[in-house]
Amino acid sequence: MKQSTELKAYFCKTNECEIPDDEIKTIGYKIKKNLIILNIQPGKRFSWTFSNTRGKIISKGHKFSFDGHYIIPIPQQQKGVLILHIKQGSQQRTHKITRF
């Protein structure tokens, strides 16, 4: 299952978005300054990838979250649109982040 949302990050205030799902209870997002704070289902491995609109990978990583919280830094050098792909188990979320 693939879902898409759009987050506009102004970085002078905090935007919040929650995406409920059957298998992943809630993936919550807070964008504050240049960080995305993930609130994910604990005890499962997840991975993320930042890419630009042309598909070039800017940064990526994977982590096992014990407490359900994880912070991903937003790449500093990129302006414009960033695509964030988050995968946990069989579920994948795609988010478009617009930097101004």
C-alpha atoms as a PDB file:
ATOM      1  CA  MET A   1       0.000   0.000   0.000  1.00  0.00           C
ATOM      2  CA  LYS A   2       1.406   3.351  -0.999  1.00  0.00           C
ATOM      3  CA  GLN A   3       0.078   6.671   0.233  1.00  0.00           C
ATOM      4  CA  SER A   4       1.181  10.160  -0.538  1.00  0.00           C
ATOM      5  CA  THR A   5       0.885  13.450   1.286  1.00  0.00           C
ATOM      6  CA  GLU A   6       2.372  16.867   0.832  1.00  0.00           C
ATOM      7  CA  LEU A   7       4.058  18.776   3.647  1.00  0.00           C
ATOM      8  CA  LYS A   8       5.066  22.386   3.155  1.00  0.00           C
ATOM      9  CA  ALA A   9       7.975  23.189   5.423  1.00  0.00           C
ATOM     10  CA  TYR A  10       8.437  26.853   6.221  1.00  0.00           C
ATOM     11  CA  PHE A  11      10.823  26.133   9.131  1.00  0.00           C
ATOM     12  CA  CYS A  12       9.682  29.174  11.113  1.00  0.00           C
ATOM     13  CA  LYS A  13       6.869  27.188  12.714  1.00  0.00           C
ATOM     14  CA  THR A  14       6.033  23.558  13.360  1.00  0.00           C
ATOM     15  CA  ASN A  15       3.705  21.733  10.985  1.00  0.00           C
ATOM     16  CA  GLU A  16       2.111  18.497  12.135  1.00  0.00           C
ATOM     17  CA  CYS A  17       0.520  15.685  10.159  1.00  0.00           C
ATOM     18  CA  GLU A  18      -0.704  12.252  11.214  1.00  0.00           C
ATOM     19  CA  ILE A  19      -1.281   9.371   8.825  1.00  0.00           C
ATOM     20  CA  PRO A  20      -3.252   6.490  10.344  1.00  0.00           C
ATOM     21  CA  ASP A  21      -2.837   3.012   8.878  1.00  0.00           C
ATOM     22  CA  ASP A  22      -3.970  -0.552   9.572  1.00  0.00           C
ATOM     23  CA  GLU A  23      -0.528  -2.071  10.108  1.00  0.00           C
ATOM     24  CA  ILE A  24       1.377   1.019  11.184  1.00  0.00           C
ATOM     25  CA  LYS A  25      -0.732   2.570  13.930  1.00  0.00           C
ATOM     26  CA  THR A  26       0.349   6.159  13.362  1.00  0.00           C
ATOM     27  CA  ILE A  27       3.259   7.810  11.644  1.00  0.00           C
ATOM     28  CA  GLY A  28       3.309  11.326  13.042  1.00  0.00           C
ATOM     29  CA  TYR A  29       5.455  14.077  11.617  1.00  0.00           C
ATOM     30  CA  LYS A  30       6.670  17.307  13.090  1.00  0.00           C
ATOM     31  CA  ILE A  31       8.834  19.553  10.991  1.00  0.00           C
ATOM     32  CA  LYS A  32      10.799  21.891  13.218  1.00  0.00           C
ATOM     33  CA  LYS A  33      13.707  23.873  11.886  1.00  0.00           C
ATOM     34  CA  ASN A  34      15.564  21.362   9.699  1.00  0.00           C
ATOM     35  CA  LEU A  35      14.406  18.139  11.348  1.00  0.00           C
ATOM     36  CA  ILE A  36      11.557  15.707  10.819  1.00  0.00           C
ATOM     37  CA  ILE A  37      10.527  13.980  14.030  1.00  0.00           C
ATOM     38  CA  LEU A  38       8.971  10.586  13.332  1.00  0.00           C
ATOM     39  CA  ASN A  39       6.546   8.928  15.702  1.00  0.00           C
ATOM     40  CA  ILE A  40       6.441   5.330  14.454  1.00  0.00           C
ATOM     41  CA  GLN A  41       5.403   1.904  15.656  1.00  0.00           C
ATOM     42  CA  PRO A  42       8.131   0.719  18.051  1.00  0.00           C
ATOM     43  CA  GLY A  43       9.960  -2.562  17.692  1.00  0.00           C
ATOM     44  CA  LYS A  44      10.054  -2.640  13.893  1.00  0.00           C
ATOM     45  CA  ARG A  45      12.855  -1.708  11.518  1.00  0.00           C
ATOM     46  CA  PHE A  46      12.244   1.181   9.142  1.00  0.00           C
ATOM     47  CA  SER A  47      14.181   2.899   6.393  1.00  0.00           C
ATOM     48  CA  TRP A  48      14.035   6.299   4.750  1.00  0.00           C
ATOM     49  CA  THR A  49      15.324   7.915   1.577  1.00  0.00           C
ATOM     50  CA  PHE A  50      15.442  11.573   0.548  1.00  0.00           C
ATOM     51  CA  SER A  51      15.506  12.208  -3.198  1.00  0.00           C
ATOM     52  CA  ASN A  52      14.970  15.148  -5.485  1.00  0.00           C
ATOM     53  CA  THR A  53      12.245  15.312  -8.134  1.00  0.00           C
ATOM     54  CA  ARG A  54      14.556  13.690 -10.700  1.00  0.00           C
ATOM     55  CA  GLY A  55      15.014  10.618  -8.479  1.00  0.00           C
ATOM     56  CA  LYS A  56      18.599  11.329  -7.385  1.00  0.00           C
ATOM     57  CA  ILE A  57      19.123  10.010  -3.841  1.00  0.00           C
ATOM     58  CA  ILE A  58      20.339  12.751  -1.508  1.00  0.00           C
ATOM     59  CA  SER A  59      20.450  10.813   1.771  1.00  0.00           C
ATOM     60  CA  LYS A  60      19.211   7.514   3.127  1.00  0.00           C
ATOM     61  CA  GLY A  61      19.342   5.357   6.207  1.00  0.00           C
ATOM     62  CA  HIS A  62      17.694   2.647   8.246  1.00  0.00           C
ATOM     63  CA  LYS A  63      17.056   2.212  11.943  1.00  0.00           C
ATOM     64  CA  PHE A  64      15.396  -0.021  14.504  1.00  0.00           C
ATOM     65  CA  SER A  65      13.273   2.113  16.819  1.00  0.00           C
ATOM     66  CA  PHE A  66      12.842   0.921  20.401  1.00  0.00           C
ATOM     67  CA  ASP A  67      10.777   3.812  21.752  1.00  0.00           C
ATOM     68  CA  GLY A  68       8.852   4.816  18.610  1.00  0.00           C
ATOM     69  CA  HIS A  69      10.597   8.172  18.088  1.00  0.00           C
ATOM     70  CA  TYR A  70      13.298   9.019  15.593  1.00  0.00           C
ATOM     71  CA  ILE A  71      14.703  12.261  14.160  1.00  0.00           C
ATOM     72  CA  ILE A  72      15.709  12.595  10.507  1.00  0.00           C
ATOM     73  CA  PRO A  73      17.725  15.678   9.515  1.00  0.00           C
ATOM     74  CA  ILE A  74      16.532  17.369   6.333  1.00  0.00           C
ATOM     75  CA  PRO A  75      19.427  17.838   3.882  1.00  0.00           C
ATOM     76  CA  GLN A  76      20.651  21.440   4.119  1.00  0.00           C
ATOM     77  CA  GLN A  77      21.982  21.893   0.594  1.00  0.00           C
ATOM     78  CA  GLN A  78      18.704  21.237  -1.197  1.00  0.00           C
ATOM     79  CA  LYS A  79      16.143  23.903  -2.004  1.00  0.00           C
ATOM     80  CA  GLY A  80      12.840  23.323  -3.729  1.00  0.00           C
ATOM     81  CA  VAL A  81      11.091  19.961  -3.560  1.00  0.00           C
ATOM     82  CA  LEU A  82      12.395  16.951  -1.629  1.00  0.00           C
ATOM     83  CA  ILE A  83      10.736  13.538  -1.703  1.00  0.00           C
ATOM     84  CA  LEU A  84      10.845  11.517   1.528  1.00  0.00           C
ATOM     85  CA  HIS A  85      10.174   7.771   1.272  1.00  0.00           C
ATOM     86  CA  ILE A  86       9.593   5.906   4.541  1.00  0.00           C
ATOM     87  CA  LYS A  87       9.226   2.134   4.594  1.00  0.00           C
ATOM     88  CA  GLN A  88       8.321  -0.037   7.571  1.00  0.00           C
ATOM     89  CA  GLY A  89       7.462  -3.676   6.961  1.00  0.00           C
ATOM     90  CA  SER A  90       5.267  -3.922   3.873  1.00  0.00           C
ATOM     91  CA  GLN A  91       4.045  -0.327   4.206  1.00  0.00           C
ATOM     92  CA  GLN A  92       5.561   2.630   2.381  1.00  0.00           C
ATOM     93  CA  ARG A  93       4.794   6.339   2.691  1.00  0.00           C
ATOM     94  CA  THR A  94       5.898   9.051   0.314  1.00  0.00           C
ATOM     95  CA  HIS A  95       5.952  12.719   1.293  1.00  0.00           C
ATOM     96  CA  LYS A  96       6.737  15.757  -0.803  1.00  0.00           C
ATOM     97  CA  ILE A  97       8.459  18.488   1.216  1.00  0.00           C
ATOM     98  CA  THR A  98       8.712  21.948  -0.307  1.00  0.00           C
ATOM     99  CA  ARG A  99      11.543  24.101   1.050  1.00  0.00           C
ATOM    100  CA  PHE A 100      11.276  27.860   0.725  1.00  0.00           C
END
